[in-house]
Amino acid sequence: MEWLPIVAVVVTGLMVGVELSVAFVMNPIFDSLPDGAGILARAHGGRMLGRLMPFWYIGSTLLVAGTALVVPDAAVVAWAAVGLLLVSVVLSVTLLVPINDRAKTWTAETAPADHREQATRWDRLHLVRLAVIVAAFVLVTVAAAR
């Protein structure tokens, strides 16, 4: 099972990379597009990633839990990473997904008047989630290195 911590680090690290890209590359690009195009781009991104990310978050959590079980010297650190990943899942389900579920259906014609405020709220919550998963990634990397 020596491969498991490596897989946990790679899968979790790739997830963090995608979420960093969303926060600091994709959404800023989308927000610089003309209003209708930006709304459509965010909606499409929400649909694409909305299908993928639940599996990625849960998969990462399970891989890190497996790491906690197979690396007893680093179990406390790995379990802390699991806890942070679970916090990120709760944040996602309770705060981010409801906004995303609305936004992924919007077009320039159907977006509500407060669509920018909702997008800004999602972006801020996403940064909180991002900080949590970065911390989890650091912890699982430390655990895997032991």
C-alpha atoms as a PDB file:
ATOM      1  CA  MET A   1       0.000   0.000   0.000  1.00  0.00           C
ATOM      2  CA  GLU A   2       2.992   2.313  -0.360  1.00  0.00           C
ATOM      3  CA  TRP A   3       1.353   3.735  -3.490  1.00  0.00           C
ATOM      4  CA  LEU A   4      -1.741   4.995  -1.649  1.00  0.00           C
ATOM      5  CA  PRO A   5      -0.199   8.112  -0.043  1.00  0.00           C
ATOM      6  CA  ILE A   6       1.331   9.040  -3.391  1.00  0.00           C
ATOM      7  CA  VAL A   7      -2.017   8.711  -5.155  1.00  0.00           C
ATOM      8  CA  ALA A   8      -3.689  10.702  -2.351  1.00  0.00           C
ATOM      9  CA  VAL A   9      -1.187  13.537  -2.784  1.00  0.00           C
ATOM     10  CA  VAL A  10      -1.492  13.566  -6.572  1.00  0.00           C
ATOM     11  CA  VAL A  11      -5.303  13.422  -6.672  1.00  0.00           C
ATOM     12  CA  THR A  12      -5.716  16.003  -3.910  1.00  0.00           C
ATOM     13  CA  GLY A  13      -3.034  18.228  -5.429  1.00  0.00           C
ATOM     14  CA  LEU A  14      -4.690  18.157  -8.844  1.00  0.00           C
ATOM     15  CA  MET A  15      -8.016  19.074  -7.232  1.00  0.00           C
ATOM     16  CA  VAL A  16      -6.368  22.009  -5.471  1.00  0.00           C
ATOM     17  CA  GLY A  17      -4.810  23.071  -8.772  1.00  0.00           C
ATOM     18  CA  VAL A  18      -8.154  23.067 -10.544  1.00  0.00           C
ATOM     19  CA  GLU A  19      -9.753  25.079  -7.755  1.00  0.00           C
ATOM     20  CA  LEU A  20      -6.838  27.554  -7.798  1.00  0.00           C
ATOM     21  CA  SER A  21      -7.326  27.898 -11.548  1.00  0.00           C
ATOM     22  CA  VAL A  22     -11.032  28.568 -11.084  1.00  0.00           C
ATOM     23  CA  ALA A  23     -10.326  31.265  -8.498  1.00  0.00           C
ATOM     24  CA  PHE A  24      -7.373  33.022 -10.077  1.00  0.00           C
ATOM     25  CA  VAL A  25      -7.585  32.282 -13.808  1.00  0.00           C
ATOM     26  CA  MET A  26     -10.952  31.140 -15.131  1.00  0.00           C
ATOM     27  CA  ASN A  27     -13.403  33.304 -13.193  1.00  0.00           C
ATOM     28  CA  PRO A  28     -11.342  36.481 -13.682  1.00  0.00           C
ATOM     29  CA  ILE A  29     -11.284  35.732 -17.416  1.00  0.00           C
ATOM     30  CA  PHE A  30     -15.033  35.073 -17.420  1.00  0.00           C
ATOM     31  CA  ASP A  31     -15.675  38.280 -15.486  1.00  0.00           C
ATOM     32  CA  SER A  32     -13.749  40.308 -18.073  1.00  0.00           C
ATOM     33  CA  LEU A  33     -15.953  39.083 -20.916  1.00  0.00           C
ATOM     34  CA  PRO A  34     -18.970  41.075 -22.024  1.00  0.00           C
ATOM     35  CA  ASP A  35     -21.804  40.437 -19.568  1.00  0.00           C
ATOM     36  CA  GLY A  36     -23.756  37.854 -21.561  1.00  0.00           C
ATOM     37  CA  ALA A  37     -20.637  35.881 -22.476  1.00  0.00           C
ATOM     38  CA  GLY A  38     -19.367  35.931 -18.890  1.00  0.00           C
ATOM     39  CA  ILE A  39     -22.678  34.639 -17.575  1.00  0.00           C
ATOM     40  CA  LEU A  40     -22.669  31.817 -20.139  1.00  0.00           C
ATOM     41  CA  ALA A  41     -19.032  30.942 -19.390  1.00  0.00           C
ATOM     42  CA  ARG A  42     -19.661  30.738 -15.644  1.00  0.00           C
ATOM     43  CA  ALA A  43     -22.814  28.701 -16.244  1.00  0.00           C
ATOM     44  CA  HIS A  44     -20.962  26.246 -18.465  1.00  0.00           C
ATOM     45  CA  GLY A  45     -18.081  25.988 -15.991  1.00  0.00           C
ATOM     46  CA  GLY A  46     -20.578  25.408 -13.194  1.00  0.00           C
ATOM     47  CA  ARG A  47     -22.223  22.594 -15.110  1.00  0.00           C
ATOM     48  CA  MET A  48     -18.929  20.925 -16.073  1.00  0.00           C
ATOM     49  CA  LEU A  49     -17.237  21.132 -12.708  1.00  0.00           C
ATOM     50  CA  GLY A  50     -20.508  20.580 -10.864  1.00  0.00           C
ATOM     51  CA  ARG A  51     -20.628  17.072 -12.324  1.00  0.00           C
ATOM     52  CA  LEU A  52     -16.969  16.266 -11.647  1.00  0.00           C
ATOM     53  CA  MET A  53     -16.056  17.874  -8.349  1.00  0.00           C
ATOM     54  CA  PRO A  54     -18.304  15.838  -6.010  1.00  0.00           C
ATOM     55  CA  PHE A  55     -16.471  12.674  -7.056  1.00  0.00           C
ATOM     56  CA  TRP A  56     -13.102  14.409  -6.815  1.00  0.00           C
ATOM     57  CA  TYR A  57     -13.764  15.795  -3.327  1.00  0.00           C
ATOM     58  CA  ILE A  58     -15.127  12.521  -1.977  1.00  0.00           C
ATOM     59  CA  GLY A  59     -12.396  10.518  -3.746  1.00  0.00           C
ATOM     60  CA  SER A  60      -9.688  12.742  -2.284  1.00  0.00           C
ATOM     61  CA  THR A  61     -11.197  12.402   1.171  1.00  0.00           C
ATOM     62  CA  LEU A  62     -11.277   8.610   0.900  1.00  0.00           C
ATOM     63  CA  LEU A  63      -7.701   8.447  -0.404  1.00  0.00           C
ATOM     64  CA  VAL A  64      -6.472  10.644   2.452  1.00  0.00           C
ATOM     65  CA  ALA A  65      -8.397   8.495   4.962  1.00  0.00           C
ATOM     66  CA  GLY A  66      -6.677   5.463   3.448  1.00  0.00           C
ATOM     67  CA  THR A  67      -3.372   7.247   3.903  1.00  0.00           C
ATOM     68  CA  ALA A  68      -4.195   7.763   7.577  1.00  0.00           C
ATOM     69  CA  LEU A  69      -4.727   4.021   7.879  1.00  0.00           C
ATOM     70  CA  VAL A  70      -1.562   2.908   6.067  1.00  0.00           C
ATOM     71  CA  VAL A  71       0.873   5.506   7.444  1.00  0.00           C
ATOM     72  CA  PRO A  72       0.497   5.068  11.198  1.00  0.00           C
ATOM     73  CA  ASP A  73       3.385   7.444  11.951  1.00  0.00           C
ATOM     74  CA  ALA A  74       1.434  10.244  10.299  1.00  0.00           C
ATOM     75  CA  ALA A  75      -2.109   9.209  11.140  1.00  0.00           C
ATOM     76  CA  VAL A  76      -2.881  12.322  13.200  1.00  0.00           C
ATOM     77  CA  VAL A  77      -1.738  14.624  10.396  1.00  0.00           C
ATOM     78  CA  ALA A  78      -3.639  12.629   7.770  1.00  0.00           C
ATOM     79  CA  TRP A  79      -6.818  12.537   9.866  1.00  0.00           C
ATOM     80  CA  ALA A  80      -6.555  16.315  10.266  1.00  0.00           C
ATOM     81  CA  ALA A  81      -6.412  16.547   6.467  1.00  0.00           C
ATOM     82  CA  VAL A  82      -9.501  14.328   6.255  1.00  0.00           C
ATOM     83  CA  GLY A  83     -11.263  16.655   8.693  1.00  0.00           C
ATOM     84  CA  LEU A  84     -10.412  19.674   6.557  1.00  0.00           C
ATOM     85  CA  LEU A  85     -11.597  17.930   3.396  1.00  0.00           C
ATOM     86  CA  LEU A  86     -14.870  17.099   5.147  1.00  0.00           C
ATOM     87  CA  VAL A  87     -15.199  20.761   6.134  1.00  0.00           C
ATOM     88  CA  SER A  88     -14.712  21.657   2.456  1.00  0.00           C
ATOM     89  CA  VAL A  89     -17.462  19.233   1.461  1.00  0.00           C
ATOM     90  CA  VAL A  90     -19.848  20.739   4.024  1.00  0.00           C
ATOM     91  CA  LEU A  91     -18.965  24.265   2.824  1.00  0.00           C
ATOM     92  CA  SER A  92     -19.578  23.171  -0.739  1.00  0.00           C
ATOM     93  CA  VAL A  93     -22.917  21.483  -0.145  1.00  0.00           C
ATOM     94  CA  THR A  94     -24.354  24.106   2.180  1.00  0.00           C
ATOM     95  CA  LEU A  95     -23.042  27.357   0.692  1.00  0.00           C
ATOM     96  CA  LEU A  96     -21.479  27.023  -2.764  1.00  0.00           C
ATOM     97  CA  VAL A  97     -23.635  24.401  -4.476  1.00  0.00           C
ATOM     98  CA  PRO A  98     -26.914  26.296  -3.973  1.00  0.00           C
ATOM     99  CA  ILE A  99     -25.441  29.358  -5.719  1.00  0.00           C
ATOM    100  CA  ASN A 100     -23.886  27.199  -8.427  1.00  0.00           C
ATOM    101  CA  ASP A 101     -27.167  25.342  -9.009  1.00  0.00           C
ATOM    102  CA  ARG A 102     -28.870  28.649  -9.743  1.00  0.00           C
ATOM    103  CA  ALA A 103     -26.039  30.143 -11.794  1.00  0.00           C
ATOM    104  CA  LYS A 104     -25.530  27.140 -14.059  1.00  0.00           C
ATOM    105  CA  THR A 105     -28.947  27.716 -15.622  1.00  0.00           C
ATOM    106  CA  TRP A 106     -28.509  31.427 -16.320  1.00  0.00           C
ATOM    107  CA  THR A 107     -28.263  33.121 -19.665  1.00  0.00           C
ATOM    108  CA  ALA A 108     -27.912  36.835 -20.322  1.00  0.00           C
ATOM    109  CA  GLU A 109     -31.707  36.987 -20.598  1.00  0.00           C
ATOM    110  CA  THR A 110     -32.554  34.911 -17.517  1.00  0.00           C
ATOM    111  CA  ALA A 111     -29.883  35.994 -15.025  1.00  0.00           C
ATOM    112  CA  PRO A 112     -31.351  37.834 -12.040  1.00  0.00           C
ATOM    113  CA  ALA A 113     -30.554  41.474 -11.436  1.00  0.00           C
ATOM    114  CA  ASP A 114     -28.233  40.503  -8.575  1.00  0.00           C
ATOM    115  CA  HIS A 115     -26.245  37.931 -10.581  1.00  0.00           C
ATOM    116  CA  ARG A 116     -22.976  39.817 -10.045  1.00  0.00           C
ATOM    117  CA  GLU A 117     -23.516  39.893  -6.286  1.00  0.00           C
ATOM    118  CA  GLN A 118     -24.248  36.159  -6.276  1.00  0.00           C
ATOM    119  CA  ALA A 119     -21.123  35.472  -8.352  1.00  0.00           C
ATOM    120  CA  THR A 120     -19.063  37.615  -5.973  1.00  0.00           C
ATOM    121  CA  ARG A 121     -20.483  35.750  -2.976  1.00  0.00           C
ATOM    122  CA  TRP A 122     -19.632  32.418  -4.640  1.00  0.00           C
ATOM    123  CA  ASP A 123     -16.098  33.662  -5.366  1.00  0.00           C
ATOM    124  CA  ARG A 124     -15.554  34.703  -1.747  1.00  0.00           C
ATOM    125  CA  LEU A 125     -16.871  31.415  -0.392  1.00  0.00           C
ATOM    126  CA  HIS A 126     -14.733  29.579  -2.939  1.00  0.00           C
ATOM    127  CA  LEU A 127     -11.639  31.338  -1.558  1.00  0.00           C
ATOM    128  CA  VAL A 128     -12.516  30.096   1.930  1.00  0.00           C
ATOM    129  CA  ARG A 129     -12.957  26.566   0.598  1.00  0.00           C
ATOM    130  CA  LEU A 130      -9.717  26.912  -1.326  1.00  0.00           C
ATOM    131  CA  ALA A 131      -7.811  27.866   1.840  1.00  0.00           C
ATOM    132  CA  VAL A 132      -9.248  24.793   3.566  1.00  0.00           C
ATOM    133  CA  ILE A 133      -8.269  22.375   0.791  1.00  0.00           C
ATOM    134  CA  VAL A 134      -4.801  23.908   0.434  1.00  0.00           C
ATOM    135  CA  ALA A 135      -4.274  23.281   4.156  1.00  0.00           C
ATOM    136  CA  ALA A 136      -5.539  19.705   3.701  1.00  0.00           C
ATOM    137  CA  PHE A 137      -3.170  19.240   0.764  1.00  0.00           C
ATOM    138  CA  VAL A 138      -0.205  20.426   2.828  1.00  0.00           C
ATOM    139  CA  LEU A 139      -1.142  18.034   5.623  1.00  0.00           C
ATOM    140  CA  VAL A 140      -1.575  15.008   3.352  1.00  0.00           C
ATOM    141  CA  THR A 141       1.750  15.815   1.705  1.00  0.00           C
ATOM    142  CA  VAL A 142       3.431  15.909   5.120  1.00  0.00           C
ATOM    143  CA  ALA A 143       1.748  12.631   6.049  1.00  0.00           C
ATOM    144  CA  ALA A 144       2.826  10.952   2.815  1.00  0.00           C
ATOM    145  CA  ALA A 145       6.419  12.109   3.312  1.00  0.00           C
ATOM    146  CA  ARG A 146       6.748  10.324   6.673  1.00  0.00           C
END
